[in-house]
Amino acid sequence: MPAQPEEMPLEGLIALVRAQAELIGELRVTVAAQAREIAELAAKAADLERQASRNSRNSSLSPSTDDAIPGRKPPEPPPGGTPGAAGGGGAGKKQRGKQPGADGLTLAWREDPDRVEQHFPGGACGCGAALAGATVTGAARSHQAHDLEPARSTVTQHDLYPVVCGCGRRHVAARPEGLSAAPVSYGPELRALALYFLVRQHLPVERTQEGIVELCGVEVSTGWLHSLLALGADAVAEAVDAIEQRIASEKVVGFDETPLKVGPKGEKRYVLSASTLLFTLFVLGRRDKASFRAFLLGRMLGVVVHDRYALYDCDEFTGFLHQLCVSHLLRDIEDTVETYPGEVWPVQLRQALRGLVHQANLARAAGLAEVPAALRDPLLAEYRGAVRVGLAAVPPAAKGAKQPVGRCLLECLRDRQPDVLRFVFDLDVWPTNNASERDLRPFRTQQKISGRLTSTAATACRLQIASYLSTARKHGMSAMHALRLAFHGTPWMPPPVAVPA
């Protein structure tokens, strides 16, 4: 018979059970830790996927960043377009060439040409007679060529003569406006051209120098080009002060800001922008309360259109009303459409806001003061209903935890309805801040080309000149002519504020 196994004592069984229980407890702790780690990794992966899916249509990223990261999917063109500066709607991506409804440009025949050149046939006729002595019977046809005269620099010597009065007093002629006190200097036309390249066309200093040398044949130095920024800022200072006063008195002003690397160490600063349809003001500052207070917000009494950055709602700035940029809201709503693909409320919310912008455009074109109630009320009901459903579908996170996608947006749409929908009841108010974004965009483009701007003072001067040029162009004056006037000592001035009788 085989040997029977010995029975384990009771104490041994108890010890074995306890050991196994401890092992099971340790395994449970390990499994729980692994589950937490898996959840954290899944959350990180989802966050990375979300970041990779951000573009100019579903976030505040600029269009220039859509293709900055390899593999990022570009945004699909919106079916109905996005609202424009004063609420205008586009139709997705524009086609190349002339746009429907845009004014065409035609190279027209001039009855008073600057110069007429006569051309006669040469050689001999088939009969053997020379054509040089043939009878002229008039022009068979004419062709006009619009061209440029080759640019060349000229040197003008200004002699300031004295005269002696009969009483014995001596008087010397005054130096002409725009002429430097130095014995030899560059004149106002060349200064205007250089600043046009630097500030209006946003060319780097070296490229500006190259352009002046090749176009005008004048060897200018980069140091002289840098010095022009301070000279130009002084020349337009009076006009920029008037522009600031006009903006502070306007009923509706769009505010925006964009980062800029400035100084020897590339310090992060901000270009602060205040724009209307006729005025522009740029200031170099920071994204803090002191900079915003100095930059007109402490003086504004009208409606400020902005992107919901927290400082616009600072308790100190209570003199103005708010219009939250609908373009920014629609980008955030587009994010919720992608995050909750099976939900109806984000789509309904998007359609309601776009419909309100469209009706505001139609009412403005018809000369009305507000959107008619029969057209706006159904859209407002859709808007409010979508917000209520969204708040129920996206509950708030626990205190201290990050809110789920769309929750903060929905609370804003619920709590700040007057600031979201002000443009519906007052058609002077723009629904979007796109005009301010367009005014700022060239500075971002220039930084991509030139890198950081090496001088804080020179950058502040550059922004002052840009304010002057942008405003002059909005009033129909060319930037080049505005610079000529400034360097001749008579800068273009904005029209004064119209005081109602």
Protein backbone atom coordinates (compact mmCIF):
# COMPACT_ATOMS: atom_id res chain seq x y z
CA MET A 1 0.00 0.00 0.00
CA PRO A 2 1.30 3.48 -0.75
CA ALA A 3 2.25 5.67 2.17
CA GLN A 4 -0.44 8.10 3.35
CA PRO A 5 0.58 11.79 3.46
CA GLU A 6 0.90 13.23 6.85
CA GLU A 7 -1.88 15.55 7.90
CA MET A 8 -0.85 19.22 8.37
CA PRO A 9 -1.30 20.47 11.86
CA LEU A 10 -4.06 22.99 12.45
CA GLU A 11 -1.54 25.73 13.28
CA GLY A 12 0.16 25.17 9.93
CA LEU A 13 -3.11 25.41 8.04
CA ILE A 14 -3.94 28.67 9.79
CA ALA A 15 -0.50 30.08 8.97
CA LEU A 16 -0.86 29.02 5.33
CA VAL A 17 -4.28 30.64 5.04
CA ARG A 18 -2.95 33.83 6.59
CA ALA A 19 0.02 33.89 4.22
CA GLN A 20 -2.26 33.36 1.24
CA ALA A 21 -4.60 36.10 2.47
CA GLU A 22 -1.65 38.50 2.76
CA LEU A 23 -0.50 37.53 -0.73
CA ILE A 24 -4.00 38.09 -2.10
CA GLY A 25 -4.10 41.49 -0.37
CA GLU A 26 -0.75 42.43 -1.88
CA LEU A 27 -1.94 41.30 -5.32
CA ARG A 28 -5.08 43.37 -4.95
CA VAL A 29 -3.00 46.44 -4.05
CA THR A 30 -0.74 45.75 -7.04
CA VAL A 31 -3.71 45.32 -9.37
CA ALA A 32 -5.32 48.51 -8.05
CA ALA A 33 -2.04 50.41 -8.56
CA GLN A 34 -1.74 49.03 -12.07
CA ALA A 35 -5.36 50.00 -12.78
CA ARG A 36 -4.65 53.54 -11.61
CA GLU A 37 -1.49 53.67 -13.71
CA ILE A 38 -3.40 52.38 -16.75
CA ALA A 39 -6.10 55.01 -16.17
CA GLU A 40 -3.46 57.73 -15.88
CA LEU A 41 -1.73 56.57 -19.06
CA ALA A 42 -5.07 56.39 -20.86
CA ALA A 43 -5.86 59.92 -19.71
CA LYS A 44 -2.42 61.12 -20.89
CA ALA A 45 -2.90 59.40 -24.24
CA ALA A 46 -6.33 60.97 -24.62
CA ASP A 47 -4.89 64.37 -23.71
CA LEU A 48 -2.10 63.95 -26.28
CA GLU A 49 -4.63 62.94 -28.92
CA ARG A 50 -6.73 65.95 -28.00
CA GLN A 51 -3.74 68.29 -28.26
CA ALA A 52 -2.82 66.81 -31.64
CA SER A 53 -6.37 67.41 -32.88
CA ARG A 54 -6.38 71.11 -31.93
CA ASN A 55 -6.40 73.49 -34.88
CA SER A 56 -7.61 76.94 -35.81
CA ARG A 57 -11.21 75.76 -36.12
CA ASN A 58 -11.70 74.13 -32.70
CA SER A 59 -9.33 76.20 -30.53
CA SER A 60 -7.68 79.61 -30.29
CA LEU A 61 -4.65 78.47 -32.29
CA SER A 62 -3.86 80.68 -35.27
CA PRO A 63 -4.25 79.31 -38.83
CA SER A 64 -0.47 79.44 -39.27
CA THR A 65 -0.08 76.65 -36.68
CA ASP A 66 -2.30 74.18 -38.53
CA ASP A 67 0.60 72.74 -40.48
CA ALA A 68 3.38 73.57 -38.01
CA ILE A 69 3.43 70.06 -36.48
CA PRO A 70 3.94 67.14 -38.90
CA GLY A 71 1.00 64.76 -38.94
CA ARG A 72 -1.52 67.24 -37.56
CA LYS A 73 -4.76 67.02 -39.49
CA PRO A 74 -5.76 70.38 -40.94
CA PRO A 75 -9.26 71.63 -40.16
CA GLU A 76 -12.09 70.98 -42.54
CA PRO A 77 -13.52 74.16 -44.09
CA PRO A 78 -16.76 75.11 -42.33
CA PRO A 79 -19.88 74.50 -44.43
CA GLY A 80 -21.26 77.97 -43.80
CA GLY A 81 -18.07 79.91 -43.23
CA THR A 82 -17.14 81.83 -40.09
CA PRO A 83 -18.33 85.30 -39.17
CA GLY A 84 -16.14 88.19 -40.21
CA ALA A 85 -14.95 91.39 -38.59
CA ALA A 86 -18.34 93.02 -38.46
CA GLY A 87 -20.21 89.75 -38.50
CA GLY A 88 -19.77 88.88 -42.16
CA GLY A 89 -19.88 85.22 -43.13
CA GLY A 90 -17.59 83.42 -45.52
CA ALA A 91 -18.26 80.32 -47.55
CA GLY A 92 -15.35 78.16 -46.51
CA LYS A 93 -12.05 78.32 -48.32
CA LYS A 94 -11.79 81.08 -50.92
CA GLN A 95 -11.13 80.26 -54.54
CA ARG A 96 -8.07 81.75 -56.18
CA GLY A 97 -8.41 84.95 -58.17
CA LYS A 98 -11.09 87.61 -58.11
CA GLN A 99 -13.84 86.98 -55.57
CA PRO A 100 -17.53 87.29 -56.50
CA GLY A 101 -18.74 90.83 -55.94
CA ALA A 102 -15.25 92.29 -55.60
CA ASP A 103 -14.37 95.40 -57.59
CA GLY A 104 -12.32 94.54 -60.65
CA LEU A 105 -9.15 96.35 -61.77
CA THR A 106 -8.61 97.23 -65.40
CA LEU A 107 -5.51 98.73 -67.00
CA ALA A 108 -7.18 101.73 -68.63
CA TRP A 109 -6.14 103.78 -71.63
CA ARG A 110 -4.88 107.28 -70.73
CA GLU A 111 -5.68 110.26 -72.92
CA ASP A 112 -2.74 112.22 -71.48
CA PRO A 113 0.34 109.96 -71.59
CA ASP A 114 3.49 111.25 -69.95
CA ARG A 115 5.55 110.66 -73.07
CA VAL A 116 4.83 109.74 -76.70
CA GLU A 117 7.41 107.91 -78.79
CA GLN A 118 6.96 107.76 -82.55
CA HIS A 119 8.10 104.71 -84.48
CA PHE A 120 8.52 104.60 -88.28
CA PRO A 121 9.32 101.68 -90.55
CA GLY A 122 12.86 101.43 -91.90
CA GLY A 123 14.59 99.72 -94.76
CA ALA A 124 13.39 99.79 -98.33
CA CYS A 125 10.17 99.15 -100.22
CA GLY A 126 9.79 96.28 -102.66
CA CYS A 127 10.22 98.80 -105.45
CA GLY A 128 13.66 99.64 -104.17
CA ALA A 129 12.84 103.08 -102.71
CA ALA A 130 14.05 103.88 -99.19
CA LEU A 131 11.26 104.17 -96.60
CA ALA A 132 13.03 107.00 -94.77
CA GLY A 133 11.63 109.52 -97.27
CA ALA A 134 8.17 108.00 -97.62
CA THR A 135 4.99 109.97 -96.85
CA VAL A 136 3.63 109.66 -93.28
CA THR A 137 -0.14 109.08 -93.29
CA GLY A 138 -0.79 109.06 -89.52
CA ALA A 139 -0.48 106.45 -86.77
CA ALA A 140 -1.76 103.04 -87.78
CA ARG A 141 -2.27 101.97 -84.16
CA SER A 142 -1.04 102.96 -80.69
CA HIS A 143 0.09 101.00 -77.65
CA GLN A 144 0.46 102.32 -74.11
CA ALA A 145 2.87 100.73 -71.62
CA HIS A 146 2.48 101.58 -67.93
CA ASP A 147 5.95 101.36 -66.41
CA LEU A 148 8.28 102.85 -63.81
CA GLU A 149 11.15 105.22 -64.27
CA PRO A 150 14.38 103.74 -62.91
CA ALA A 151 14.82 104.97 -59.34
CA ARG A 152 17.92 107.00 -58.60
CA SER A 153 18.99 109.15 -55.70
CA THR A 154 19.50 112.88 -56.02
CA VAL A 155 21.49 115.26 -53.85
CA THR A 156 19.93 118.63 -53.02
CA GLN A 157 22.05 121.28 -51.39
CA HIS A 158 20.15 123.71 -49.18
CA ASP A 159 21.92 127.06 -48.80
CA LEU A 160 20.54 129.12 -45.91
CA TYR A 161 21.25 132.76 -46.68
CA PRO A 162 21.34 135.60 -44.14
CA VAL A 163 19.95 139.05 -44.75
CA VAL A 164 20.67 142.26 -42.85
CA CYS A 165 17.79 144.57 -42.06
CA GLY A 166 18.16 148.32 -42.35
CA CYS A 167 18.16 148.46 -38.55
CA GLY A 168 21.25 146.30 -38.53
CA ARG A 169 19.66 143.04 -37.40
CA ARG A 170 20.80 139.88 -39.16
CA HIS A 171 18.28 137.16 -40.14
CA VAL A 172 19.18 133.66 -41.41
CA ALA A 173 16.75 131.53 -43.44
CA ALA A 174 15.10 128.71 -41.48
CA ARG A 175 15.99 125.13 -42.23
CA PRO A 176 13.22 123.47 -44.31
CA GLU A 177 10.86 121.03 -42.57
CA GLY A 178 12.11 117.47 -42.75
CA LEU A 179 15.75 118.48 -43.25
CA SER A 180 18.21 117.16 -40.67
CA ALA A 181 20.45 119.56 -38.75
CA ALA A 182 23.48 117.50 -39.82
CA PRO A 183 25.56 118.86 -42.73
CA VAL A 184 24.89 115.69 -44.75
CA SER A 185 21.85 113.48 -44.26
CA TYR A 186 19.27 111.33 -46.02
CA GLY A 187 16.12 113.18 -47.04
CA PRO A 188 12.47 112.56 -46.12
CA GLU A 189 11.66 110.54 -49.26
CA LEU A 190 14.39 107.98 -48.57
CA ARG A 191 13.44 107.82 -44.89
CA ALA A 192 9.82 107.23 -45.82
CA LEU A 193 10.73 104.41 -48.22
CA ALA A 194 12.95 102.71 -45.63
CA LEU A 195 10.28 102.87 -42.93
CA TYR A 196 7.69 101.63 -45.40
CA PHE A 197 9.78 98.49 -45.92
CA LEU A 198 10.52 98.08 -42.20
CA VAL A 199 7.14 98.76 -40.62
CA ARG A 200 4.45 98.39 -43.25
CA GLN A 201 5.95 95.47 -45.20
CA HIS A 202 7.60 93.97 -42.07
CA LEU A 203 10.91 93.27 -43.80
CA PRO A 204 14.01 92.45 -41.73
CA VAL A 205 16.61 95.21 -41.53
CA GLU A 206 19.09 93.38 -43.79
CA ARG A 207 16.42 92.81 -46.46
CA THR A 208 15.41 96.47 -46.25
CA GLN A 209 19.02 97.52 -46.71
CA GLU A 210 19.33 95.23 -49.72
CA GLY A 211 16.15 96.60 -51.27
CA ILE A 212 17.24 100.23 -50.95
CA VAL A 213 20.66 99.49 -52.41
CA GLU A 214 19.25 97.59 -55.40
CA LEU A 215 16.24 99.84 -56.07
CA CYS A 216 17.75 103.26 -55.38
CA GLY A 217 21.50 102.72 -55.57
CA VAL A 218 22.02 104.20 -52.09
CA GLU A 219 24.36 102.44 -49.67
CA VAL A 220 22.60 102.82 -46.31
CA SER A 221 23.76 101.18 -43.09
CA THR A 222 21.75 98.92 -40.81
CA GLY A 223 22.49 101.31 -37.95
CA TRP A 224 20.81 104.16 -39.82
CA LEU A 225 17.81 101.94 -40.52
CA HIS A 226 17.50 101.11 -36.82
CA SER A 227 17.69 104.82 -35.93
CA LEU A 228 14.78 105.57 -38.28
CA LEU A 229 12.35 103.82 -35.93
CA ALA A 230 12.89 106.40 -33.19
CA LEU A 231 12.80 109.28 -35.70
CA GLY A 232 9.60 107.97 -37.23
CA ALA A 233 7.95 107.47 -33.84
CA ASP A 234 8.71 111.09 -32.93
CA ALA A 235 7.34 112.28 -36.27
CA VAL A 236 3.97 110.55 -35.76
CA ALA A 237 3.65 111.00 -31.97
CA GLU A 238 1.02 113.75 -32.22
CA ALA A 239 -1.09 111.71 -34.62
CA VAL A 240 -0.89 108.59 -32.43
CA ASP A 241 -1.99 110.58 -29.37
CA ALA A 242 -5.03 111.73 -31.35
CA ILE A 243 -5.71 108.13 -32.46
CA GLU A 244 -5.66 106.99 -28.82
CA GLN A 245 -8.15 109.68 -27.85
CA ARG A 246 -10.45 108.74 -30.72
CA ILE A 247 -10.41 105.04 -29.82
CA ALA A 248 -11.19 105.83 -26.18
CA SER A 249 -14.28 107.74 -27.34
CA GLU A 250 -15.56 105.10 -29.78
CA LYS A 251 -18.73 103.12 -29.06
CA VAL A 252 -17.28 99.72 -30.06
CA VAL A 253 -13.60 98.70 -29.92
CA GLY A 254 -12.01 95.29 -30.44
CA PHE A 255 -9.14 94.38 -28.11
CA ASP A 256 -6.64 91.58 -28.65
CA GLU A 257 -3.06 90.63 -27.80
CA THR A 258 -0.34 88.41 -29.22
CA PRO A 259 3.01 87.29 -27.72
CA LEU A 260 6.29 88.65 -29.05
CA LYS A 261 9.90 87.83 -28.11
CA VAL A 262 11.73 91.09 -27.47
CA GLY A 263 15.14 92.13 -26.16
CA PRO A 264 18.60 90.55 -26.00
CA LYS A 265 17.32 87.52 -24.07
CA GLY A 266 14.10 87.11 -26.02
CA GLU A 267 11.81 88.12 -23.16
CA LYS A 268 8.16 87.29 -23.74
CA ARG A 269 6.13 90.47 -24.14
CA TYR A 270 2.77 91.16 -25.75
CA VAL A 271 1.55 93.41 -28.53
CA LEU A 272 -1.71 94.86 -27.22
CA SER A 273 -4.12 95.94 -29.92
CA ALA A 274 -7.21 98.17 -29.91
CA SER A 275 -9.01 98.35 -33.27
CA THR A 276 -12.09 99.86 -34.84
CA LEU A 277 -13.09 100.05 -38.47
CA LEU A 278 -11.19 103.36 -38.79
CA PHE A 279 -8.56 103.38 -36.02
CA THR A 280 -5.77 101.11 -34.77
CA LEU A 281 -3.51 101.38 -31.76
CA PHE A 282 -0.64 99.00 -30.89
CA VAL A 283 1.29 99.08 -27.61
CA LEU A 284 4.06 96.84 -26.29
CA GLY A 285 3.20 95.57 -22.81
CA ARG A 286 2.53 92.51 -20.74
CA ARG A 287 -0.49 90.37 -20.05
CA ASP A 288 -1.02 91.88 -16.62
CA LYS A 289 -3.37 94.29 -14.93
CA ALA A 290 -1.01 97.28 -15.07
CA SER A 291 -0.46 96.99 -18.82
CA PHE A 292 -4.17 96.54 -19.50
CA ARG A 293 -5.03 99.54 -17.32
CA ALA A 294 -2.51 101.73 -19.13
CA PHE A 295 -3.74 100.46 -22.47
CA LEU A 296 -7.10 102.27 -22.56
CA LEU A 297 -9.14 99.75 -20.57
CA GLY A 298 -9.22 102.10 -17.61
CA ARG A 299 -10.76 104.78 -19.86
CA MET A 300 -13.15 102.80 -22.07
CA LEU A 301 -16.85 103.67 -21.82
CA GLY A 302 -18.28 101.83 -24.81
CA VAL A 303 -18.41 98.15 -25.78
CA VAL A 304 -15.19 96.11 -25.73
CA VAL A 305 -15.13 93.05 -28.01
CA HIS A 306 -12.67 90.47 -26.65
CA ASP A 307 -11.78 86.78 -26.42
CA ARG A 308 -12.78 86.12 -22.77
CA TYR A 309 -9.27 86.50 -21.37
CA ALA A 310 -9.69 86.91 -17.61
CA LEU A 311 -8.14 90.39 -17.31
CA TYR A 312 -10.90 91.94 -19.43
CA ASP A 313 -13.26 91.03 -16.57
CA CYS A 314 -11.06 92.53 -13.86
CA ASP A 315 -13.03 94.38 -11.19
CA GLU A 316 -11.07 97.57 -11.91
CA PHE A 317 -12.38 97.79 -15.46
CA THR A 318 -16.06 98.57 -14.90
CA GLY A 319 -16.60 101.47 -17.28
CA PHE A 320 -17.37 99.44 -20.40
CA LEU A 321 -19.73 96.72 -21.62
CA HIS A 322 -18.56 93.38 -23.02
CA GLN A 323 -19.15 91.52 -26.27
CA LEU A 324 -17.55 88.08 -26.20
CA CYS A 325 -16.05 87.18 -29.57
CA VAL A 326 -18.42 84.76 -31.30
CA SER A 327 -15.60 83.36 -33.43
CA HIS A 328 -13.79 82.19 -30.29
CA LEU A 329 -17.04 80.79 -28.89
CA LEU A 330 -17.71 78.89 -32.11
CA ARG A 331 -14.22 77.36 -31.98
CA ASP A 332 -14.89 76.12 -28.46
CA ILE A 333 -18.30 74.84 -29.54
CA GLU A 334 -16.63 73.00 -32.42
CA ASP A 335 -14.44 71.32 -29.80
CA THR A 336 -17.54 70.06 -27.99
CA VAL A 337 -19.01 68.82 -31.31
CA GLU A 338 -15.89 66.67 -31.80
CA THR A 339 -15.67 65.61 -28.14
CA TYR A 340 -19.33 64.52 -27.89
CA PRO A 341 -20.05 63.19 -31.41
CA GLY A 342 -23.38 61.59 -30.51
CA GLU A 343 -24.87 64.65 -28.81
CA VAL A 344 -27.32 67.04 -30.46
CA TRP A 345 -26.87 70.06 -28.17
CA PRO A 346 -23.41 71.14 -29.47
CA VAL A 347 -24.64 71.12 -33.09
CA GLN A 348 -27.80 72.99 -32.11
CA LEU A 349 -25.75 75.56 -30.21
CA ARG A 350 -23.44 76.08 -33.19
CA GLN A 351 -26.36 76.49 -35.58
CA ALA A 352 -28.13 78.93 -33.28
CA LEU A 353 -25.10 81.23 -32.90
CA ARG A 354 -24.32 81.15 -36.61
CA GLY A 355 -27.96 81.87 -37.40
CA LEU A 356 -27.97 84.88 -35.07
CA VAL A 357 -24.83 86.27 -36.72
CA HIS A 358 -26.40 85.80 -40.15
CA GLN A 359 -29.61 87.55 -39.13
CA ALA A 360 -27.59 90.40 -37.60
CA ASN A 361 -25.77 90.85 -40.91
CA LEU A 362 -29.03 90.95 -42.85
CA ALA A 363 -30.62 93.40 -40.41
CA ARG A 364 -27.56 95.66 -40.50
CA ALA A 365 -27.60 95.67 -44.30
CA ALA A 366 -31.27 96.64 -44.15
CA GLY A 367 -30.48 99.62 -41.91
CA LEU A 368 -32.22 98.24 -38.81
CA ALA A 369 -31.14 98.92 -35.23
CA GLU A 370 -31.56 95.32 -34.01
CA VAL A 371 -32.55 91.90 -35.28
CA PRO A 372 -36.36 91.69 -35.57
CA ALA A 373 -37.96 89.66 -32.77
CA ALA A 374 -39.69 87.27 -35.18
CA LEU A 375 -36.30 86.21 -36.56
CA ARG A 376 -34.23 86.26 -33.40
CA ASP A 377 -36.59 84.67 -30.85
CA PRO A 378 -36.63 81.14 -32.35
CA LEU A 379 -32.83 81.17 -32.54
CA LEU A 380 -32.55 82.46 -28.98
CA ALA A 381 -34.84 79.64 -27.83
CA GLU A 382 -32.59 77.12 -29.59
CA TYR A 383 -29.54 78.68 -27.98
CA ARG A 384 -30.96 78.59 -24.44
CA GLY A 385 -32.36 75.09 -24.86
CA ALA A 386 -29.02 73.75 -26.08
CA VAL A 387 -27.24 75.33 -23.12
CA ARG A 388 -29.67 73.74 -20.64
CA VAL A 389 -29.30 70.28 -22.21
CA GLY A 390 -25.53 70.63 -22.36
CA LEU A 391 -25.28 71.57 -18.68
CA ALA A 392 -27.30 68.48 -17.79
CA ALA A 393 -25.22 66.23 -20.08
CA VAL A 394 -21.83 67.54 -18.86
CA PRO A 395 -21.97 67.59 -15.04
CA PRO A 396 -19.33 69.59 -13.16
CA ALA A 397 -16.23 67.86 -11.82
CA ALA A 398 -15.46 67.59 -8.12
CA LYS A 399 -14.06 70.67 -6.42
CA GLY A 400 -10.40 71.12 -7.32
CA ALA A 401 -10.55 68.74 -10.31
CA LYS A 402 -10.28 69.76 -13.94
CA GLN A 403 -13.66 70.47 -15.50
CA PRO A 404 -14.76 68.22 -18.41
CA VAL A 405 -14.63 69.58 -21.94
CA GLY A 406 -17.36 72.14 -22.54
CA ARG A 407 -18.46 72.67 -18.94
CA CYS A 408 -16.81 76.08 -18.49
CA LEU A 409 -18.04 77.14 -21.93
CA LEU A 410 -21.63 76.16 -21.12
CA GLU A 411 -21.54 78.02 -17.80
CA CYS A 412 -20.25 81.10 -19.63
CA LEU A 413 -23.03 80.86 -22.23
CA ARG A 414 -25.58 80.54 -19.43
CA ASP A 415 -24.26 83.21 -17.04
CA ARG A 416 -23.11 85.80 -19.60
CA GLN A 417 -25.92 85.78 -22.13
CA PRO A 418 -26.02 89.62 -22.40
CA ASP A 419 -22.30 89.66 -23.20
CA VAL A 420 -22.65 86.84 -25.74
CA LEU A 421 -25.76 88.19 -27.50
CA ARG A 422 -25.26 91.96 -27.29
CA PHE A 423 -24.70 92.15 -31.06
CA VAL A 424 -28.25 90.84 -31.64
CA PHE A 425 -29.89 93.79 -29.87
CA ASP A 426 -27.43 96.51 -30.96
CA LEU A 427 -26.23 96.19 -34.54
CA ASP A 428 -23.44 98.74 -33.98
CA VAL A 429 -21.72 95.99 -31.95
CA TRP A 430 -19.61 93.47 -33.89
CA PRO A 431 -20.17 89.81 -33.06
CA THR A 432 -16.49 88.94 -33.57
CA ASN A 433 -13.04 90.35 -32.96
CA ASN A 434 -11.63 89.19 -36.29
CA ALA A 435 -10.64 92.73 -37.31
CA SER A 436 -8.26 93.01 -34.33
CA GLU A 437 -6.78 89.60 -35.07
CA ARG A 438 -6.10 90.61 -38.67
CA ASP A 439 -4.40 93.81 -37.52
CA LEU A 440 -2.07 91.78 -35.25
CA ARG A 441 -1.26 88.94 -37.65
CA PRO A 442 1.65 90.65 -39.51
CA PHE A 443 3.65 90.93 -36.28
CA ARG A 444 3.52 87.17 -35.81
CA THR A 445 4.55 86.68 -39.43
CA GLN A 446 7.50 89.05 -39.03
CA GLN A 447 8.72 87.23 -35.93
CA LYS A 448 8.66 83.94 -37.81
CA ILE A 449 10.91 85.51 -40.44
CA SER A 450 13.19 87.63 -38.26
CA GLY A 451 13.10 85.83 -34.92
CA ARG A 452 13.11 87.97 -31.79
CA LEU A 453 13.24 91.77 -31.98
CA THR A 454 16.48 92.82 -30.34
CA SER A 455 15.42 96.12 -28.77
CA THR A 456 12.41 96.80 -26.55
CA ALA A 457 12.60 100.55 -27.23
CA ALA A 458 12.83 100.05 -31.00
CA THR A 459 9.88 97.65 -30.90
CA ALA A 460 7.77 100.23 -29.03
CA CYS A 461 8.67 102.79 -31.72
CA ARG A 462 7.81 100.28 -34.45
CA LEU A 463 4.36 99.74 -32.93
CA GLN A 464 3.72 103.48 -32.71
CA ILE A 465 4.51 103.90 -36.41
CA ALA A 466 2.38 100.84 -37.24
CA SER A 467 -0.56 102.43 -35.37
CA TYR A 468 -0.21 105.57 -37.50
CA LEU A 469 0.07 103.68 -40.79
CA SER A 470 -2.79 101.27 -40.10
CA THR A 471 -5.13 104.12 -39.16
CA ALA A 472 -4.13 106.22 -42.17
CA ARG A 473 -4.77 103.29 -44.51
CA LYS A 474 -8.19 102.69 -42.94
CA HIS A 475 -8.99 106.29 -43.89
CA GLY A 476 -7.99 105.68 -47.51
CA MET A 477 -4.46 107.13 -47.46
CA SER A 478 -1.49 105.13 -48.72
CA ALA A 479 1.10 104.21 -46.10
CA MET A 480 3.89 105.63 -48.26
CA HIS A 481 2.23 109.04 -48.57
CA ALA A 482 1.48 109.10 -44.83
CA LEU A 483 5.19 108.52 -44.11
CA ARG A 484 6.19 111.26 -46.55
CA LEU A 485 3.91 113.70 -44.74
CA ALA A 486 5.33 112.71 -41.37
CA PHE A 487 8.96 113.22 -42.43
CA HIS A 488 8.09 116.55 -44.04
CA GLY A 489 6.85 117.70 -40.63
CA THR A 490 3.12 117.61 -41.41
CA PRO A 491 1.89 114.14 -40.38
CA TRP A 492 -1.58 113.00 -41.37
CA MET A 493 -4.01 113.62 -38.51
CA PRO A 494 -7.20 111.67 -37.78
CA PRO A 495 -10.44 113.65 -38.01
CA PRO A 496 -11.60 115.14 -34.71
CA VAL A 497 -14.39 113.64 -32.65
CA ALA A 498 -17.80 114.70 -33.94
CA VAL A 499 -19.60 116.42 -31.06
CA PRO A 500 -23.42 116.07 -31.39
CA ALA A 501 -25.36 119.32 -31.34
